[in-house]
C-alpha atoms as a PDB file:
ATOM      1  CA  MET A   1      53.220 110.222 -43.204  1.00  0.00           C
ATOM      2  CA  LYS A   2      52.577 113.460 -41.336  1.00  0.00           C
ATOM      3  CA  ARG A   3      54.902 112.435 -38.493  1.00  0.00           C
ATOM      4  CA  GLU A   4      57.680 111.624 -40.991  1.00  0.00           C
ATOM      5  CA  ASN A   5      57.231 115.024 -42.629  1.00  0.00           C
ATOM      6  CA  VAL A   6      57.453 116.713 -39.208  1.00  0.00           C
ATOM      7  CA  LYS A   7      60.655 114.818 -38.429  1.00  0.00           C
ATOM      8  CA  LYS A   8      62.141 115.792 -41.790  1.00  0.00           C
ATOM      9  CA  LYS A   9      61.209 119.429 -41.205  1.00  0.00           C
ATOM     10  CA  GLY A  10      62.709 119.252 -37.708  1.00  0.00           C
ATOM     11  CA  LEU A  11      65.978 117.885 -39.031  1.00  0.00           C
ATOM     12  CA  SER A  12      66.074 120.529 -41.746  1.00  0.00           C
ATOM     13  CA  ARG A  13      65.486 123.257 -39.187  1.00  0.00           C
ATOM     14  CA  GLN A  14      68.220 121.888 -36.917  1.00  0.00           C
ATOM     15  CA  ALA A  15      70.594 121.775 -39.872  1.00  0.00           C
ATOM     16  CA  LYS A  16      69.853 125.421 -40.589  1.00  0.00           C
ATOM     17  CA  ILE A  17      70.459 126.329 -36.951  1.00  0.00           C
ATOM     18  CA  ASN A  18      73.794 124.486 -37.053  1.00  0.00           C
ATOM     19  CA  LEU A  19      74.718 126.238 -40.285  1.00  0.00           C
ATOM     20  CA  VAL A  20      74.007 129.639 -38.739  1.00  0.00           C
ATOM     21  CA  GLY A  21      76.148 128.725 -35.732  1.00  0.00           C
ATOM     22  CA  TYR A  22      79.050 127.564 -37.879  1.00  0.00           C
ATOM     23  CA  SER A  23      78.804 130.735 -39.962  1.00  0.00           C
ATOM     24  CA  PHE A  24      79.367 132.812 -36.829  1.00  0.00           C
ATOM     25  CA  ILE A  25      82.570 130.955 -35.909  1.00  0.00           C
ATOM     26  CA  LEU A  26      83.759 130.611 -39.525  1.00  0.00           C
ATOM     27  CA  PRO A  27      85.963 133.765 -39.406  1.00  0.00           C
ATOM     28  CA  ASN A  28      87.757 132.439 -36.327  1.00  0.00           C
ATOM     29  CA  ILE A  29      88.159 129.008 -37.905  1.00  0.00           C
ATOM     30  CA  ILE A  30      89.656 130.582 -41.035  1.00  0.00           C
ATOM     31  CA  GLY A  31      91.990 132.679 -38.890  1.00  0.00           C
ATOM     32  CA  VAL A  32      93.176 129.686 -36.856  1.00  0.00           C
ATOM     33  CA  CYS A  33      93.751 127.621 -39.991  1.00  0.00           C
ATOM     34  CA  ALA A  34      95.538 130.411 -41.877  1.00  0.00           C
ATOM     35  CA  PHE A  35      97.694 131.788 -39.069  1.00  0.00           C
ATOM     36  CA  THR A  36      98.180 128.806 -36.735  1.00  0.00           C
ATOM     37  CA  LEU A  37      97.557 125.362 -38.218  1.00  0.00           C
ATOM     38  CA  PHE A  38      99.003 126.001 -41.680  1.00  0.00           C
ATOM     39  CA  PRO A  39     102.194 127.712 -40.380  1.00  0.00           C
ATOM     40  CA  MET A  40     102.703 124.863 -37.908  1.00  0.00           C
ATOM     41  CA  LEU A  41     102.379 122.206 -40.592  1.00  0.00           C
ATOM     42  CA  PHE A  42     104.542 124.225 -42.975  1.00  0.00           C
ATOM     43  CA  SER A  43     107.271 124.647 -40.346  1.00  0.00           C
ATOM     44  CA  LEU A  44     107.182 120.895 -39.679  1.00  0.00           C
ATOM     45  CA  VAL A  45     107.723 120.193 -43.375  1.00  0.00           C
ATOM     46  CA  ILE A  46     110.585 122.660 -43.826  1.00  0.00           C
ATOM     47  CA  SER A  47     112.283 121.483 -40.617  1.00  0.00           C
ATOM     48  CA  PHE A  48     113.382 118.468 -42.683  1.00  0.00           C
ATOM     49  CA  THR A  49     114.946 120.717 -45.332  1.00  0.00           C
ATOM     50  CA  ASP A  50     117.893 123.080 -45.723  1.00  0.00           C
ATOM     51  CA  TRP A  51     115.663 125.911 -46.947  1.00  0.00           C
ATOM     52  CA  ASP A  52     117.167 129.379 -47.252  1.00  0.00           C
ATOM     53  CA  TYR A  53     114.101 131.565 -47.813  1.00  0.00           C
ATOM     54  CA  THR A  54     116.082 134.117 -49.817  1.00  0.00           C
ATOM     55  CA  ARG A  55     116.137 131.503 -52.583  1.00  0.00           C
ATOM     56  CA  GLY A  56     112.351 131.499 -52.743  1.00  0.00           C
ATOM     57  CA  ILE A  57     109.685 128.975 -51.876  1.00  0.00           C
ATOM     58  CA  GLY A  58     110.360 125.496 -53.207  1.00  0.00           C
ATOM     59  CA  ASN A  59     114.118 125.855 -53.572  1.00  0.00           C
ATOM     60  CA  TRP A  60     115.018 123.439 -50.826  1.00  0.00           C
ATOM     61  CA  ASN A  61     116.483 119.980 -50.379  1.00  0.00           C
ATOM     62  CA  PHE A  62     115.062 117.389 -48.027  1.00  0.00           C
ATOM     63  CA  ILE A  63     117.797 116.367 -45.592  1.00  0.00           C
ATOM     64  CA  GLY A  64     115.780 114.219 -43.194  1.00  0.00           C
ATOM     65  CA  LEU A  65     116.636 114.546 -39.506  1.00  0.00           C
ATOM     66  CA  LYS A  66     119.945 116.331 -40.082  1.00  0.00           C
ATOM     67  CA  ASN A  67     118.731 119.625 -38.562  1.00  0.00           C
ATOM     68  CA  PHE A  68     117.452 117.851 -35.444  1.00  0.00           C
ATOM     69  CA  VAL A  69     120.783 116.060 -35.033  1.00  0.00           C
ATOM     70  CA  THR A  70     122.962 119.096 -35.770  1.00  0.00           C
ATOM     71  CA  ILE A  71     121.392 121.376 -33.173  1.00  0.00           C
ATOM     72  CA  TRP A  72     122.726 119.281 -30.279  1.00  0.00           C
ATOM     73  CA  SER A  73     126.313 119.964 -31.373  1.00  0.00           C
ATOM     74  CA  ASP A  74     125.562 123.653 -31.915  1.00  0.00           C
ATOM     75  CA  GLU A  75     127.077 125.681 -29.047  1.00  0.00           C
ATOM     76  CA  TRP A  76     124.676 128.554 -29.691  1.00  0.00           C
ATOM     77  CA  PHE A  77     121.697 126.226 -29.315  1.00  0.00           C
ATOM     78  CA  THR A  78     122.974 124.573 -26.131  1.00  0.00           C
ATOM     79  CA  SER A  79     123.756 127.997 -24.673  1.00  0.00           C
ATOM     80  CA  ALA A  80     120.265 129.247 -25.598  1.00  0.00           C
ATOM     81  CA  LEU A  81     118.680 126.138 -24.088  1.00  0.00           C
ATOM     82  CA  THR A  82     120.654 126.562 -20.851  1.00  0.00           C
ATOM     83  CA  ASN A  83     119.727 130.237 -20.582  1.00  0.00           C
ATOM     84  CA  THR A  84     116.075 129.406 -21.235  1.00  0.00           C
ATOM     85  CA  LEU A  85     116.001 126.764 -18.502  1.00  0.00           C
ATOM     86  CA  ILE A  86     117.686 129.148 -16.045  1.00  0.00           C
ATOM     87  CA  PHE A  87     115.185 131.844 -16.980  1.00  0.00           C
ATOM     88  CA  VAL A  88     112.207 129.512 -16.478  1.00  0.00           C
ATOM     89  CA  ILE A  89     113.488 128.107 -13.171  1.00  0.00           C
ATOM     90  CA  GLY A  90     114.077 131.624 -11.859  1.00  0.00           C
ATOM     91  CA  VAL A  91     110.925 133.358 -13.119  1.00  0.00           C
ATOM     92  CA  VAL A  92     108.128 130.800 -12.654  1.00  0.00           C
ATOM     93  CA  PRO A  93     108.409 129.948  -8.917  1.00  0.00           C
ATOM     94  CA  THR A  94     109.332 133.528  -8.000  1.00  0.00           C
ATOM     95  CA  THR A  95     106.355 135.017  -9.834  1.00  0.00           C
ATOM     96  CA  VAL A  96     103.848 132.469  -8.517  1.00  0.00           C
ATOM     97  CA  PHE A  97     104.993 132.559  -4.880  1.00  0.00           C
ATOM     98  CA  LEU A  98     105.311 136.353  -4.645  1.00  0.00           C
ATOM     99  CA  ALA A  99     101.930 136.769  -6.328  1.00  0.00           C
ATOM    100  CA  MET A 100     100.301 134.449  -3.799  1.00  0.00           C
ATOM    101  CA  VAL A 101     101.874 136.285  -0.859  1.00  0.00           C
ATOM    102  CA  LEU A 102     100.934 139.698  -2.251  1.00  0.00           C
ATOM    103  CA  ALA A 103      97.364 138.610  -2.985  1.00  0.00           C
ATOM    104  CA  VAL A 104      96.899 137.343   0.581  1.00  0.00           C
ATOM    105  CA  VAL A 105      98.527 140.422   2.151  1.00  0.00           C
ATOM    106  CA  ILE A 106      96.466 142.829   0.043  1.00  0.00           C
ATOM    107  CA  ASP A 107      93.260 140.939   0.790  1.00  0.00           C
ATOM    108  CA  LYS A 108      93.825 140.848   4.555  1.00  0.00           C
ATOM    109  CA  PHE A 109      95.824 143.936   5.478  1.00  0.00           C
ATOM    110  CA  CYS A 110      95.477 146.522   2.701  1.00  0.00           C
ATOM    111  CA  TYR A 111      92.799 149.241   2.870  1.00  0.00           C
ATOM    112  CA  ALA A 112      92.986 150.574  -0.698  1.00  0.00           C
ATOM    113  CA  LYS A 113      92.725 147.129  -2.270  1.00  0.00           C
ATOM    114  CA  LEU A 114      91.469 148.120  -5.729  1.00  0.00           C
ATOM    115  CA  PRO A 115      94.063 150.875  -6.461  1.00  0.00           C
ATOM    116  CA  VAL A 116      96.907 148.643  -5.264  1.00  0.00           C
ATOM    117  CA  ARG A 117      95.754 145.744  -7.452  1.00  0.00           C
ATOM    118  CA  MET A 118      95.363 148.039 -10.446  1.00  0.00           C
ATOM    119  CA  ALA A 119      98.851 149.461  -9.867  1.00  0.00           C
ATOM    120  CA  LEU A 120     100.293 145.930  -9.840  1.00  0.00           C
ATOM    121  CA  PHE A 121      98.306 144.991 -12.949  1.00  0.00           C
ATOM    122  CA  MET A 122      99.308 148.034 -15.041  1.00  0.00           C
ATOM    123  CA  PRO A 123     102.776 146.715 -16.077  1.00  0.00           C
ATOM    124  CA  TYR A 124     101.145 143.545 -17.422  1.00  0.00           C
ATOM    125  CA  VAL A 125      98.869 145.451 -19.797  1.00  0.00           C
ATOM    126  CA  SER A 126     101.465 148.093 -20.684  1.00  0.00           C
ATOM    127  CA  ASN A 127     103.343 148.033 -23.972  1.00  0.00           C
ATOM    128  CA  VAL A 128     106.262 145.649 -23.599  1.00  0.00           C
ATOM    129  CA  VAL A 129     108.521 147.903 -25.674  1.00  0.00           C
ATOM    130  CA  ALA A 130     107.870 150.884 -23.405  1.00  0.00           C
ATOM    131  CA  VAL A 131     108.393 148.766 -20.284  1.00  0.00           C
ATOM    132  CA  ALA A 132     111.668 147.351 -21.617  1.00  0.00           C
ATOM    133  CA  ILE A 133     113.008 150.801 -22.543  1.00  0.00           C
ATOM    134  CA  VAL A 134     112.163 152.145 -19.082  1.00  0.00           C
ATOM    135  CA  TRP A 135     114.046 149.258 -17.474  1.00  0.00           C
ATOM    136  CA  VAL A 136     117.027 149.815 -19.768  1.00  0.00           C
ATOM    137  CA  MET A 137     117.186 153.355 -18.386  1.00  0.00           C
ATOM    138  CA  MET A 138     116.837 152.024 -14.830  1.00  0.00           C
ATOM    139  CA  TYR A 139     119.818 149.728 -15.384  1.00  0.00           C
ATOM    140  CA  SER A 140     121.961 152.506 -16.906  1.00  0.00           C
ATOM    141  CA  PRO A 141     125.001 153.897 -15.006  1.00  0.00           C
ATOM    142  CA  TRP A 142     122.870 156.830 -13.796  1.00  0.00           C
ATOM    143  CA  GLY A 143     119.780 154.706 -13.161  1.00  0.00           C
ATOM    144  CA  PRO A 144     118.290 153.900  -9.741  1.00  0.00           C
ATOM    145  CA  PHE A 145     119.700 150.371  -9.527  1.00  0.00           C
ATOM    146  CA  THR A 146     123.267 151.526 -10.075  1.00  0.00           C
ATOM    147  CA  ARG A 147     122.836 154.545  -7.785  1.00  0.00           C
ATOM    148  CA  MET A 148     121.407 152.318  -5.048  1.00  0.00           C
ATOM    149  CA  VAL A 149     124.365 149.932  -5.262  1.00  0.00           C
ATOM    150  CA  VAL A 150     126.783 152.877  -5.135  1.00  0.00           C
ATOM    151  CA  ALA A 151     124.951 154.276  -2.101  1.00  0.00           C
ATOM    152  CA  LEU A 152     125.444 150.912  -0.370  1.00  0.00           C
ATOM    153  CA  GLY A 153     129.213 151.359  -0.723  1.00  0.00           C
ATOM    154  CA  VAL A 154     130.024 149.363  -3.879  1.00  0.00           C
ATOM    155  CA  GLU A 155     132.773 151.240  -5.744  1.00  0.00           C
ATOM    156  CA  ASN A 156     132.475 149.372  -9.051  1.00  0.00           C
ATOM    157  CA  PRO A 157     128.801 148.497  -9.558  1.00  0.00           C
ATOM    158  CA  PRO A 158     127.950 145.952 -12.262  1.00  0.00           C
ATOM    159  CA  GLN A 159     126.957 147.149 -15.706  1.00  0.00           C
ATOM    160  CA  TRP A 160     123.798 145.046 -15.411  1.00  0.00           C
ATOM    161  CA  LEU A 161     122.737 144.520 -19.037  1.00  0.00           C
ATOM    162  CA  GLY A 162     126.359 144.787 -20.187  1.00  0.00           C
ATOM    163  CA  ASP A 163     127.627 142.217 -17.694  1.00  0.00           C
ATOM    164  CA  THR A 164     127.606 138.524 -18.631  1.00  0.00           C
ATOM    165  CA  THR A 165     126.816 137.579 -15.016  1.00  0.00           C
ATOM    166  CA  TRP A 166     124.030 140.053 -14.332  1.00  0.00           C
ATOM    167  CA  ALA A 167     122.323 140.495 -17.714  1.00  0.00           C
ATOM    168  CA  LEU A 168     120.020 137.469 -17.510  1.00  0.00           C
ATOM    169  CA  PRO A 169     119.039 138.032 -13.836  1.00  0.00           C
ATOM    170  CA  ALA A 170     118.303 141.671 -14.715  1.00  0.00           C
ATOM    171  CA  ILE A 171     115.837 140.609 -17.418  1.00  0.00           C
ATOM    172  CA  MET A 172     114.371 137.992 -15.082  1.00  0.00           C
ATOM    173  CA  LEU A 173     113.697 140.691 -12.495  1.00  0.00           C
ATOM    174  CA  MET A 174     111.931 142.846 -15.063  1.00  0.00           C
ATOM    175  CA  THR A 175     109.855 139.856 -16.221  1.00  0.00           C
ATOM    176  CA  VAL A 176     108.747 139.026 -12.684  1.00  0.00           C
ATOM    177  CA  TRP A 177     107.837 142.677 -12.045  1.00  0.00           C
ATOM    178  CA  SER A 178     105.816 143.000 -15.237  1.00  0.00           C
ATOM    179  CA  GLY A 179     103.987 139.674 -14.908  1.00  0.00           C
ATOM    180  CA  ILE A 180     103.242 139.486 -11.200  1.00  0.00           C
ATOM    181  CA  GLY A 181     100.166 141.728 -11.451  1.00  0.00           C
ATOM    182  CA  TYR A 182      98.273 139.214 -13.604  1.00  0.00           C
ATOM    183  CA  ALA A 183      98.987 136.416 -11.128  1.00  0.00           C
ATOM    184  CA  VAL A 184      97.865 138.628  -8.230  1.00  0.00           C
ATOM    185  CA  ILE A 185      94.530 139.301  -9.945  1.00  0.00           C
ATOM    186  CA  ILE A 186      93.979 135.579 -10.560  1.00  0.00           C
ATOM    187  CA  TYR A 187      94.863 134.720  -6.957  1.00  0.00           C
ATOM    188  CA  THR A 188      92.601 137.496  -5.688  1.00  0.00           C
ATOM    189  CA  SER A 189      89.638 136.001  -7.520  1.00  0.00           C
ATOM    190  CA  ALA A 190      90.408 132.590  -6.024  1.00  0.00           C
ATOM    191  CA  ILE A 191      90.882 133.973  -2.486  1.00  0.00           C
ATOM    192  CA  GLN A 192      87.452 135.587  -2.528  1.00  0.00           C
ATOM    193  CA  GLY A 193      85.909 132.148  -3.016  1.00  0.00           C
ATOM    194  CA  LEU A 194      87.703 130.415  -0.142  1.00  0.00           C
ATOM    195  CA  PRO A 195      85.477 128.893   2.586  1.00  0.00           C
ATOM    196  CA  LYS A 196      85.405 131.393   5.450  1.00  0.00           C
ATOM    197  CA  ASP A 197      84.014 128.899   7.968  1.00  0.00           C
ATOM    198  CA  VAL A 198      87.236 126.868   7.801  1.00  0.00           C
ATOM    199  CA  TYR A 199      89.281 129.975   8.649  1.00  0.00           C
ATOM    200  CA  GLU A 200      86.901 130.821  11.488  1.00  0.00           C
ATOM    201  CA  ALA A 201      87.374 127.325  12.882  1.00  0.00           C
ATOM    202  CA  ALA A 202      91.158 127.778  12.623  1.00  0.00           C
ATOM    203  CA  ASP A 203      90.891 131.072  14.527  1.00  0.00           C
ATOM    204  CA  ILE A 204      88.928 129.338  17.281  1.00  0.00           C
ATOM    205  CA  ASP A 205      91.664 126.691  17.507  1.00  0.00           C
ATOM    206  CA  GLY A 206      94.237 129.464  17.913  1.00  0.00           C
ATOM    207  CA  ALA A 207      95.999 129.135  14.553  1.00  0.00           C
ATOM    208  CA  GLY A 208      98.161 132.108  13.555  1.00  0.00           C
ATOM    209  CA  GLU A 209      98.265 133.840  10.188  1.00  0.00           C
ATOM    210  CA  VAL A 210     101.423 132.003   9.094  1.00  0.00           C
ATOM    211  CA  ALA A 211      99.953 128.609  10.014  1.00  0.00           C
ATOM    212  CA  LYS A 212      96.706 129.380   8.195  1.00  0.00           C
ATOM    213  CA  PHE A 213      98.676 130.490   5.117  1.00  0.00           C
ATOM    214  CA  PHE A 214     100.679 127.265   4.859  1.00  0.00           C
ATOM    215  CA  ARG A 215      98.035 124.817   6.140  1.00  0.00           C
ATOM    216  CA  LEU A 216      94.896 126.277   4.553  1.00  0.00           C
ATOM    217  CA  THR A 217      95.531 128.977   1.941  1.00  0.00           C
ATOM    218  CA  ILE A 218      98.215 127.203  -0.080  1.00  0.00           C
ATOM    219  CA  PRO A 219      96.241 123.902  -0.349  1.00  0.00           C
ATOM    220  CA  PHE A 220      93.000 125.741  -1.162  1.00  0.00           C
ATOM    221  CA  LEU A 221      94.753 127.761  -3.871  1.00  0.00           C
ATOM    222  CA  SER A 222      96.524 124.755  -5.420  1.00  0.00           C
ATOM    223  CA  PRO A 223      94.236 124.610  -8.524  1.00  0.00           C
ATOM    224  CA  THR A 224      94.925 128.295  -9.179  1.00  0.00           C
ATOM    225  CA  THR A 225      98.626 127.720  -8.570  1.00  0.00           C
ATOM    226  CA  PHE A 226      98.604 124.875 -11.075  1.00  0.00           C
ATOM    227  CA  PHE A 227      96.983 127.106 -13.700  1.00  0.00           C
ATOM    228  CA  LEU A 228      99.475 129.935 -13.102  1.00  0.00           C
ATOM    229  CA  VAL A 229     102.463 127.577 -13.125  1.00  0.00           C
ATOM    230  CA  ILE A 230     101.448 126.205 -16.529  1.00  0.00           C
ATOM    231  CA  THR A 231     100.720 129.598 -18.104  1.00  0.00           C
ATOM    232  CA  THR A 232     103.783 131.302 -16.610  1.00  0.00           C
ATOM    233  CA  LEU A 233     105.995 128.395 -17.616  1.00  0.00           C
ATOM    234  CA  ILE A 234     104.803 128.520 -21.234  1.00  0.00           C
ATOM    235  CA  SER A 235     105.264 132.302 -21.464  1.00  0.00           C
ATOM    236  CA  SER A 236     108.730 132.055 -19.868  1.00  0.00           C
ATOM    237  CA  PHE A 237     109.853 129.439 -22.386  1.00  0.00           C
ATOM    238  CA  GLN A 238     108.706 131.808 -25.144  1.00  0.00           C
ATOM    239  CA  VAL A 239     110.343 135.002 -23.843  1.00  0.00           C
ATOM    240  CA  PHE A 240     111.505 137.170 -26.740  1.00  0.00           C
ATOM    241  CA  ALA A 241     110.571 140.868 -26.639  1.00  0.00           C
ATOM    242  CA  PRO A 242     112.643 141.871 -23.558  1.00  0.00           C
ATOM    243  CA  ILE A 243     115.674 140.051 -24.990  1.00  0.00           C
ATOM    244  CA  GLN A 244     115.269 141.680 -28.406  1.00  0.00           C
ATOM    245  CA  ILE A 245     114.861 145.192 -26.995  1.00  0.00           C
ATOM    246  CA  MET A 246     117.215 145.165 -24.009  1.00  0.00           C
ATOM    247  CA  THR A 247     120.218 142.977 -24.912  1.00  0.00           C
ATOM    248  CA  ARG A 248     119.758 141.323 -28.347  1.00  0.00           C
ATOM    249  CA  GLY A 249     121.034 138.108 -26.817  1.00  0.00           C
ATOM    250  CA  GLY A 250     124.193 139.679 -25.442  1.00  0.00           C
ATOM    251  CA  PRO A 251     126.614 140.323 -24.023  1.00  0.00           C
ATOM    252  CA  GLY A 252     128.065 137.365 -25.874  1.00  0.00           C
ATOM    253  CA  THR A 253     125.484 134.619 -25.440  1.00  0.00           C
ATOM    254  CA  ALA A 254     124.542 135.561 -21.855  1.00  0.00           C
ATOM    255  CA  THR A 255     120.884 136.284 -22.674  1.00  0.00           C
ATOM    256  CA  ASN A 256     120.483 134.273 -25.851  1.00  0.00           C
ATOM    257  CA  VAL A 257     117.316 132.191 -25.347  1.00  0.00           C
ATOM    258  CA  LEU A 258     115.633 129.659 -27.620  1.00  0.00           C
ATOM    259  CA  VAL A 259     113.005 131.910 -29.183  1.00  0.00           C
ATOM    260  CA  TYR A 260     115.554 134.630 -29.854  1.00  0.00           C
ATOM    261  CA  TYR A 261     117.899 132.068 -31.410  1.00  0.00           C
ATOM    262  CA  ILE A 262     115.036 130.832 -33.592  1.00  0.00           C
ATOM    263  CA  TYR A 263     114.485 134.422 -34.710  1.00  0.00           C
ATOM    264  CA  THR A 264     118.156 135.073 -35.515  1.00  0.00           C
ATOM    265  CA  SER A 265     118.558 131.724 -37.278  1.00  0.00           C
ATOM    266  CA  ALA A 266     115.571 132.469 -39.506  1.00  0.00           C
ATOM    267  CA  PHE A 267     115.860 136.204 -40.186  1.00  0.00           C
ATOM    268  CA  THR A 268     119.567 136.950 -39.656  1.00  0.00           C
ATOM    269  CA  PHE A 269     121.232 133.811 -41.016  1.00  0.00           C
ATOM    270  CA  TYR A 270     118.270 132.847 -43.281  1.00  0.00           C
ATOM    271  CA  LYS A 271     118.288 129.223 -42.069  1.00  0.00           C
ATOM    272  CA  MET A 272     114.546 128.772 -42.112  1.00  0.00           C
ATOM    273  CA  GLY A 273     114.670 124.967 -42.002  1.00  0.00           C
ATOM    274  CA  TYR A 274     117.129 124.995 -39.103  1.00  0.00           C
ATOM    275  CA  ALA A 275     115.027 127.543 -37.206  1.00  0.00           C
ATOM    276  CA  SER A 276     111.907 125.419 -37.742  1.00  0.00           C
ATOM    277  CA  ALA A 277     113.688 122.390 -36.302  1.00  0.00           C
ATOM    278  CA  ILE A 278     114.605 124.388 -33.169  1.00  0.00           C
ATOM    279  CA  SER A 279     111.028 125.610 -32.831  1.00  0.00           C
ATOM    280  CA  TRP A 280     109.737 122.027 -32.889  1.00  0.00           C
ATOM    281  CA  VAL A 281     112.296 121.038 -30.266  1.00  0.00           C
ATOM    282  CA  LEU A 282     110.979 123.899 -28.146  1.00  0.00           C
ATOM    283  CA  PHE A 283     107.436 122.665 -28.725  1.00  0.00           C
ATOM    284  CA  LEU A 284     108.420 119.179 -27.554  1.00  0.00           C
ATOM    285  CA  PHE A 285     110.037 120.650 -24.432  1.00  0.00           C
ATOM    286  CA  LEU A 286     106.857 122.564 -23.636  1.00  0.00           C
ATOM    287  CA  PHE A 287     104.673 119.542 -24.324  1.00  0.00           C
ATOM    288  CA  ILE A 288     106.757 117.222 -22.119  1.00  0.00           C
ATOM    289  CA  VAL A 289     106.971 119.706 -19.242  1.00  0.00           C
ATOM    290  CA  THR A 290     103.231 120.407 -19.447  1.00  0.00           C
ATOM    291  CA  MET A 291     102.405 116.698 -19.424  1.00  0.00           C
ATOM    292  CA  ILE A 292     104.672 116.161 -16.405  1.00  0.00           C
ATOM    293  CA  GLN A 293     102.891 119.003 -14.623  1.00  0.00           C
ATOM    294  CA  TRP A 294      99.499 117.662 -15.664  1.00  0.00           C
ATOM    295  CA  HIS A 295     100.197 114.210 -14.249  1.00  0.00           C
ATOM    296  CA  GLY A 296     102.008 115.604 -11.207  1.00  0.00           C
ATOM    297  CA  GLN A 297      99.039 117.745 -10.203  1.00  0.00           C
ATOM    298  CA  LYS A 298      97.303 114.659  -8.819  1.00  0.00           C
ATOM    299  CA  LYS A 299      99.789 114.637  -5.928  1.00  0.00           C
ATOM    300  CA  TRP A 300      99.650 118.296  -4.915  1.00  0.00           C
ATOM    301  CA  VAL A 301      96.481 119.824  -6.376  1.00  0.00           C
ATOM    302  CA  SER A 302      93.325 119.390  -4.291  1.00  0.00           C
ATOM    303  CA  TYR A 303      90.014 120.402  -5.854  1.00  0.00           C
END
């Protein structure tokens, strides 16, 4: 009987410990449910409706998969999807590769390593609105980009953000510049953990810096590269603030991307159901691409 009482007391004590633990994470659980899970489920429900939120909650008609079918014949959606894919294809590999090169160069050849890394990291932690406004000024007719092109002998330099050809590449350049510092910091942490004896053996064999970079550094850093590819890809698919501040999707539809089109569909044209359908299509794109990357890592990521 005494042993049973001890066991019961032990279970009661463990239950109290668990209750205390759950109470500590309860605020986060409430926040996730209120601001993530519930909005996701709600957007899934209204994606099957024609809800105009100016009519109030509940004033909607269920239309099935009509929104998901209609978007593929919507020229604005196809244009936004194309621009998003171009943006992702341009930003992700450029950011990851340049960050790797910079991290290796800074680690091996730079004397003031910490100040240089901090200088690269500052744009990432700076206010995106301030960064975007500064770059708008840099792309202006009197800005450094235009002045540089004029100094190179170009009589009619592009208008950058006002040019349908150059507007999206201009925002891509700003995105790479502002995000490369984070990737450099991550690569720096990984480089400091690389096995030095392998590099010493390569030096004895007479391997040069370029050979060691491609034969040793890139394979060793493949897990870090995989992480940065996934995170950079997701953030690139969700680009919004630079578009909203710098071009508002223009000129024409040159910089109209999926997230910005979701925003305009919901809060400019009040098509909340249609916008929710686009957001779930974006989610499926991200999920499929992430799964492809996850399964593809087995061929090029070595742990």
